[in-house]
Structure formats: C-alpha cells, structure tokens
C-alpha cells in the first residue's frame, strides 16, 4: 500500500511540474523574399517562366504573405524585355514569351513598395544525367537504398551543379550542390538516400547548371540548415544574402536569389 501511495505522489508531482512556456522571438520588419529561378528543361522551349515574391514573416507564422503589386521585368543582353504579370494577388508573376539563351547575361528588375531591386546573372548550361545506379545495402545499417545519378563533367571548364531529388516519402526535396574542382572531366554522380525509400517509389532527379556564386550561396545555406548545425532555434553564424540588391535603400536588403539554369530531369522508379 505504501508503494502505491508513493507512486501516486510521484505521478501527481510530475503533472504539477508541467508549465506552459511562451517562446518570445525577436521580430524585425518584413523584407522582400525573391524566388526568381528561371529553369529551362531540356527538350522544352523554356518560354513559360514564373517568379514568386513574398514577405518574410515571424517563425511561428503559418501563412506567408505574398508581395503583391510589384513591377517585375527581366532584360537580356539584346535589350529584350520580358514582363512578368502577377496572377490574382498571389505574389506569383508569370511570363510566357521568355527566350532562354545559354551563357547570355540577364538582369532582373523588381519595383516594389517604392523601392527598386535588381540582380544580374548568367544563364548556365548543364550536362545530361546518363544513368542511375541503385545500391540496396547502403547507409549505416546496411539496409538503406542509395541512388547515384551519374553525369560526365566537361573537361577544362569550371562547372557547378545543383541537384534536386523529389520523392513522395519526403515532405521537402533533398538538395545538394557539387563543383568539379577535383573531378574535372570525369564521370561523377549526385547522391540520394532516404531511410524509408523502397521498391516501387518514384524519385524525380533534376540537375541544374548554376554559377559559382549560386553554388557558394546554396552551400552555405545548406550547411546552416543541416541537422549538424542544431535546430531552428540555433543561432546562425551569419545572414545568407543572395545576389539581389535594393538600389533605393541598400540597408533594406532582400532575401532570395536570381538564378538561370538549364535543367536535365530523369524520373526513376526504385527497383
């Protein structure tokens, strides 16, 4: 009887120790977030493109406010102007007459809330994904499925790659960046593994050609967002800035990046 009474006292004490803790986070003024990824998939015309504008929001905010009413334009080196028109106050601006040209230089112009944002970037090419190799006894457990998407890097040219692996078992895509400093001219691969990956699952593999600056930007971003660098409340070493500049008020810099990439896509069914 004494043991039962002692157990009840301990359980009761544990429940009394449960307190609701309100986490107060510092909030700053909203900044413009620019998602300007111009992607030209091999085998398509590449004329249909879109740019998404939103505003930064507090960490626990579920809804991300769109940045509506902006004037969004892209210019190429031949003075062609591509106007991106917003779709019903969604913050998504589209154009269906875009002309993609590899190695051409493009300039992004965004006029929002009486401030001008600009960025300049080169349209980068990419080599095709040649084949996928599947390993069934990978990972630390020796039971995970691993996929290697092979491609051949062009020799004597600096190349940078951005891989995206999309599957139904993962909420967000798996992203990786690669450079050819030690693999120039060789056949190399993008790597993907997922603990719950199994036979019959479909994985969409995309390889993007990117600039050195985007490689460095994404490398830092992925490092800061990795599990090894703590959770969402971990203090980040620095704010990661993209290549977009606020010409009107430099202190009110935006987040995001302007990127132009040729893309090769391969859809693989796990064996």
Protein backbone atom coordinates (compact mmCIF):
# COMPACT_ATOMS: atom_id res chain seq x y z
CA UNK A 1 0.00 0.00 0.00
CA UNK A 2 2.86 2.36 0.86
CA UNK A 3 4.44 1.68 -2.58
CA UNK A 4 1.20 2.55 -4.36
CA UNK A 5 0.82 5.76 -2.37
CA UNK A 6 4.40 6.78 -3.14
CA UNK A 7 3.83 6.15 -6.87
CA UNK A 8 0.68 8.32 -6.84
CA UNK A 9 2.60 11.14 -5.14
CA UNK A 10 5.39 10.99 -7.75
CA UNK A 11 2.94 10.98 -10.68
CA UNK A 12 0.99 13.86 -9.15
CA UNK A 13 4.20 15.86 -8.69
CA UNK A 14 5.19 15.32 -12.32
CA UNK A 15 1.88 16.68 -13.56
CA UNK A 16 2.16 19.74 -11.31
CA UNK A 17 5.57 20.49 -12.85
CA UNK A 18 4.16 20.88 -16.36
CA UNK A 19 4.16 24.58 -17.22
CA UNK A 20 3.27 26.25 -20.49
CA UNK A 21 6.28 28.17 -21.79
CA UNK A 22 5.73 31.04 -24.20
CA UNK A 23 8.70 31.47 -26.51
CA UNK A 24 9.27 35.11 -27.37
CA UNK A 25 11.28 35.65 -30.53
CA UNK A 26 12.68 38.91 -31.80
CA UNK A 27 10.77 40.23 -34.78
CA UNK A 28 12.03 42.56 -37.48
CA UNK A 29 10.32 44.49 -40.24
CA UNK A 30 9.26 42.30 -43.18
CA UNK A 31 11.74 42.02 -46.03
CA UNK A 32 11.09 41.15 -49.65
CA UNK A 33 11.77 37.48 -50.44
CA UNK A 34 12.66 36.85 -54.10
CA UNK A 35 12.31 33.36 -55.58
CA UNK A 36 13.46 34.02 -59.14
CA UNK A 37 14.53 30.68 -60.60
CA UNK A 38 14.42 30.64 -64.40
CA UNK A 39 14.59 26.96 -65.37
CA UNK A 40 14.94 25.72 -68.95
CA UNK A 41 14.22 22.00 -69.01
CA UNK A 42 15.97 20.16 -71.82
CA UNK A 43 13.57 19.38 -74.68
CA UNK A 44 11.25 22.32 -73.95
CA UNK A 45 11.08 25.85 -75.33
CA UNK A 46 11.63 27.41 -71.92
CA UNK A 47 9.23 30.25 -72.71
CA UNK A 48 6.96 29.75 -69.67
CA UNK A 49 8.57 31.11 -66.52
CA UNK A 50 7.43 32.46 -63.16
CA UNK A 51 8.88 34.46 -60.27
CA UNK A 52 7.49 34.36 -56.73
CA UNK A 53 7.62 37.35 -54.39
CA UNK A 54 6.67 37.18 -50.73
CA UNK A 55 7.44 38.90 -47.44
CA UNK A 56 9.40 37.49 -44.53
CA UNK A 57 7.23 36.51 -41.56
CA UNK A 58 7.70 35.51 -37.89
CA UNK A 59 8.95 31.97 -37.30
CA UNK A 60 5.66 30.60 -35.97
CA UNK A 61 3.53 32.33 -38.62
CA UNK A 62 1.79 29.69 -40.76
CA UNK A 63 0.81 31.97 -43.64
CA UNK A 64 3.49 33.61 -45.77
CA UNK A 65 2.20 36.96 -47.07
CA UNK A 66 2.57 37.49 -50.84
CA UNK A 67 4.26 40.63 -52.15
CA UNK A 68 1.56 41.89 -54.49
CA UNK A 69 1.54 44.86 -56.82
CA UNK A 70 5.17 44.74 -57.91
CA UNK A 71 6.51 45.57 -61.37
CA UNK A 72 8.69 42.63 -62.38
CA UNK A 73 10.85 42.61 -65.53
CA UNK A 74 13.78 40.63 -66.91
CA UNK A 75 16.12 42.02 -69.60
CA UNK A 76 18.59 40.12 -71.79
CA UNK A 77 21.77 41.43 -73.45
CA UNK A 78 19.87 42.16 -76.68
CA UNK A 79 17.56 44.59 -74.87
CA UNK A 80 14.60 42.23 -75.00
CA UNK A 81 12.20 42.97 -72.15
CA UNK A 82 10.16 40.20 -70.52
CA UNK A 83 7.32 41.49 -68.36
CA UNK A 84 6.16 39.18 -65.55
CA UNK A 85 2.48 39.71 -64.68
CA UNK A 86 1.00 38.82 -61.29
CA UNK A 87 -1.73 36.22 -61.05
CA UNK A 88 -4.59 37.49 -58.83
CA UNK A 89 -2.63 38.95 -55.92
CA UNK A 90 -0.80 35.68 -55.29
CA UNK A 91 2.70 37.11 -55.45
CA UNK A 92 3.40 34.80 -58.41
CA UNK A 93 4.42 36.69 -61.55
CA UNK A 94 4.43 34.85 -64.89
CA UNK A 95 5.68 35.30 -68.44
CA UNK A 96 5.07 33.01 -71.45
CA UNK A 97 7.33 34.69 -74.03
CA UNK A 98 10.70 34.28 -72.32
CA UNK A 99 13.69 33.49 -74.58
CA UNK A 100 16.40 31.37 -72.87
CA UNK A 101 19.92 31.68 -74.28
CA UNK A 102 22.81 29.77 -72.72
CA UNK A 103 25.69 31.99 -71.49
CA UNK A 104 23.66 35.15 -72.05
CA UNK A 105 23.54 37.72 -69.24
CA UNK A 106 20.13 38.64 -67.80
CA UNK A 107 19.07 41.42 -65.46
CA UNK A 108 16.14 41.20 -63.04
CA UNK A 109 14.28 44.37 -62.08
CA UNK A 110 11.64 44.49 -59.34
CA UNK A 111 9.90 47.70 -58.27
CA UNK A 112 8.03 47.06 -55.03
CA UNK A 113 6.77 49.41 -52.31
CA UNK A 114 8.56 52.37 -53.93
CA UNK A 115 11.92 50.60 -53.90
CA UNK A 116 13.93 49.17 -56.79
CA UNK A 117 15.59 45.75 -56.54
CA UNK A 118 17.97 44.46 -59.23
CA UNK A 119 20.17 41.47 -59.96
CA UNK A 120 22.36 40.24 -62.81
CA UNK A 121 23.19 36.61 -63.59
CA UNK A 122 24.40 34.38 -66.44
CA UNK A 123 22.29 31.58 -67.93
CA UNK A 124 24.16 28.34 -67.18
CA UNK A 125 24.09 25.08 -69.16
CA UNK A 126 24.12 21.55 -67.75
CA UNK A 127 25.17 18.09 -68.99
CA UNK A 128 22.58 15.28 -69.08
CA UNK A 129 22.08 12.62 -66.42
CA UNK A 130 23.31 9.46 -68.11
CA UNK A 131 22.07 6.71 -65.80
CA UNK A 132 21.13 5.89 -62.21
CA UNK A 133 22.87 3.24 -60.11
CA UNK A 134 20.92 1.71 -57.21
CA UNK A 135 22.57 0.23 -54.12
CA UNK A 136 20.33 -1.80 -51.81
CA UNK A 137 22.68 -2.30 -48.86
CA UNK A 138 23.74 1.27 -48.16
CA UNK A 139 23.62 3.54 -45.13
CA UNK A 140 24.93 2.86 -41.61
CA UNK A 141 22.50 0.00 -41.17
CA UNK A 142 23.44 -1.67 -44.45
CA UNK A 143 19.75 -1.80 -45.33
CA UNK A 144 19.11 1.60 -46.90
CA UNK A 145 18.60 2.17 -50.62
CA UNK A 146 21.04 4.62 -52.21
CA UNK A 147 20.78 6.22 -55.65
CA UNK A 148 23.66 7.63 -57.68
CA UNK A 149 22.76 9.80 -60.70
CA UNK A 150 25.82 9.78 -63.00
CA UNK A 151 26.86 12.54 -65.39
CA UNK A 152 30.09 13.41 -67.20
CA UNK A 153 31.68 16.74 -66.35
CA UNK A 154 33.10 18.72 -69.33
CA UNK A 155 36.89 18.93 -69.20
CA UNK A 156 38.88 22.15 -68.68
CA UNK A 157 35.78 24.19 -67.76
CA UNK A 158 34.69 25.25 -64.27
CA UNK A 159 31.25 23.78 -63.67
CA UNK A 160 28.85 23.93 -60.75
CA UNK A 161 25.80 21.74 -60.24
CA UNK A 162 22.64 21.90 -58.15
CA UNK A 163 20.83 18.57 -57.66
CA UNK A 164 17.22 18.19 -56.55
CA UNK A 165 15.76 14.82 -55.54
CA UNK A 166 11.98 14.72 -55.13
CA UNK A 167 10.03 11.73 -53.79
CA UNK A 168 6.61 11.13 -52.24
CA UNK A 169 8.09 9.91 -48.95
CA UNK A 170 9.78 13.20 -48.12
CA UNK A 171 7.97 16.44 -47.30
CA UNK A 172 10.69 18.62 -48.83
CA UNK A 173 13.09 17.86 -51.71
CA UNK A 174 16.63 16.73 -50.98
CA UNK A 175 19.07 19.37 -52.27
CA UNK A 176 22.78 19.04 -52.99
CA UNK A 177 25.43 21.19 -54.71
CA UNK A 178 28.60 19.99 -56.41
CA UNK A 179 31.69 21.53 -58.01
CA UNK A 180 34.25 19.96 -60.35
CA UNK A 181 37.46 21.18 -58.70
CA UNK A 182 38.68 17.61 -58.10
CA UNK A 183 36.55 15.81 -60.70
CA UNK A 184 37.09 17.91 -63.83
CA UNK A 185 36.39 15.91 -66.99
CA UNK A 186 35.35 12.78 -65.10
CA UNK A 187 32.13 10.84 -64.72
CA UNK A 188 30.67 11.69 -61.33
CA UNK A 189 27.31 11.45 -59.61
CA UNK A 190 24.69 13.17 -57.50
CA UNK A 191 23.86 11.14 -54.39
CA UNK A 192 20.50 10.45 -52.74
CA UNK A 193 19.37 8.18 -49.92
CA UNK A 194 16.27 8.09 -47.75
CA UNK A 195 15.67 5.72 -44.85
CA UNK A 196 12.11 4.86 -45.94
CA UNK A 197 12.89 4.50 -49.65
CA UNK A 198 11.64 1.17 -51.01
CA UNK A 199 10.92 -0.70 -54.23
CA UNK A 200 8.24 0.97 -56.34
CA UNK A 201 8.87 4.51 -55.07
CA UNK A 202 9.31 7.14 -57.77
CA UNK A 203 12.13 9.69 -57.47
CA UNK A 204 12.37 12.76 -59.72
CA UNK A 205 16.02 13.71 -60.20
CA UNK A 206 16.92 17.17 -61.54
CA UNK A 207 20.37 18.51 -62.31
CA UNK A 208 20.70 22.29 -62.69
CA UNK A 209 23.66 24.16 -64.14
CA UNK A 210 24.50 27.06 -61.80
CA UNK A 211 27.05 29.81 -61.36
CA UNK A 212 29.91 29.74 -58.86
CA UNK A 213 28.21 32.42 -56.79
CA UNK A 214 24.98 30.44 -56.54
CA UNK A 215 26.98 27.34 -55.58
CA UNK A 216 28.61 29.24 -52.72
CA UNK A 217 25.28 30.76 -51.65
CA UNK A 218 23.47 27.40 -51.60
CA UNK A 219 26.43 25.61 -49.98
CA UNK A 220 26.31 27.98 -47.00
CA UNK A 221 22.51 27.83 -46.87
CA UNK A 222 22.50 24.02 -46.81
CA UNK A 223 25.25 23.95 -44.18
CA UNK A 224 23.30 26.26 -41.88
CA UNK A 225 20.10 24.27 -42.35
CA UNK A 226 21.63 20.86 -41.73
CA UNK A 227 20.93 18.80 -38.61
CA UNK A 228 24.59 19.04 -37.59
CA UNK A 229 24.15 22.78 -37.04
CA UNK A 230 21.37 22.48 -34.48
CA UNK A 231 17.64 23.06 -34.66
CA UNK A 232 15.55 26.04 -35.73
CA UNK A 233 16.48 27.98 -32.58
CA UNK A 234 20.22 27.63 -33.15
CA UNK A 235 21.97 30.97 -33.72
CA UNK A 236 23.14 31.13 -37.31
CA UNK A 237 26.70 32.40 -37.94
CA UNK A 238 25.56 34.97 -40.50
CA UNK A 239 22.66 36.11 -42.64
CA UNK A 240 22.93 34.46 -46.03
CA UNK A 241 22.45 37.08 -48.74
CA UNK A 242 21.70 36.30 -52.35
CA UNK A 243 22.58 38.32 -55.44
CA UNK A 244 19.62 40.74 -55.34
CA UNK A 245 20.32 44.34 -54.33
CA UNK A 246 17.99 47.08 -53.11
CA UNK A 247 19.14 50.05 -55.20
CA UNK A 248 16.87 52.51 -53.38
CA UNK A 249 17.65 51.52 -49.79
CA UNK A 250 20.63 49.12 -49.51
CA UNK A 251 20.01 48.56 -45.78
CA UNK A 252 16.63 47.06 -46.61
CA UNK A 253 18.22 44.17 -48.50
CA UNK A 254 16.01 41.32 -49.77
CA UNK A 255 16.29 37.58 -49.26
CA UNK A 256 16.47 35.09 -52.12
CA UNK A 257 18.31 34.66 -55.38
CA UNK A 258 18.05 35.27 -59.15
CA UNK A 259 19.19 32.11 -60.95
CA UNK A 260 19.02 30.96 -64.59
CA UNK A 261 19.66 27.28 -65.24
CA UNK A 262 19.37 24.68 -67.94
CA UNK A 263 17.88 21.59 -66.28
CA UNK A 264 18.04 17.89 -67.04
CA UNK A 265 15.33 15.75 -65.45
CA UNK A 266 15.17 11.99 -65.01
CA UNK A 267 12.31 10.11 -63.33
CA UNK A 268 13.50 6.90 -61.68
CA UNK A 269 11.43 4.06 -60.22
CA UNK A 270 13.17 2.25 -57.36
CA UNK A 271 13.74 -1.41 -58.23
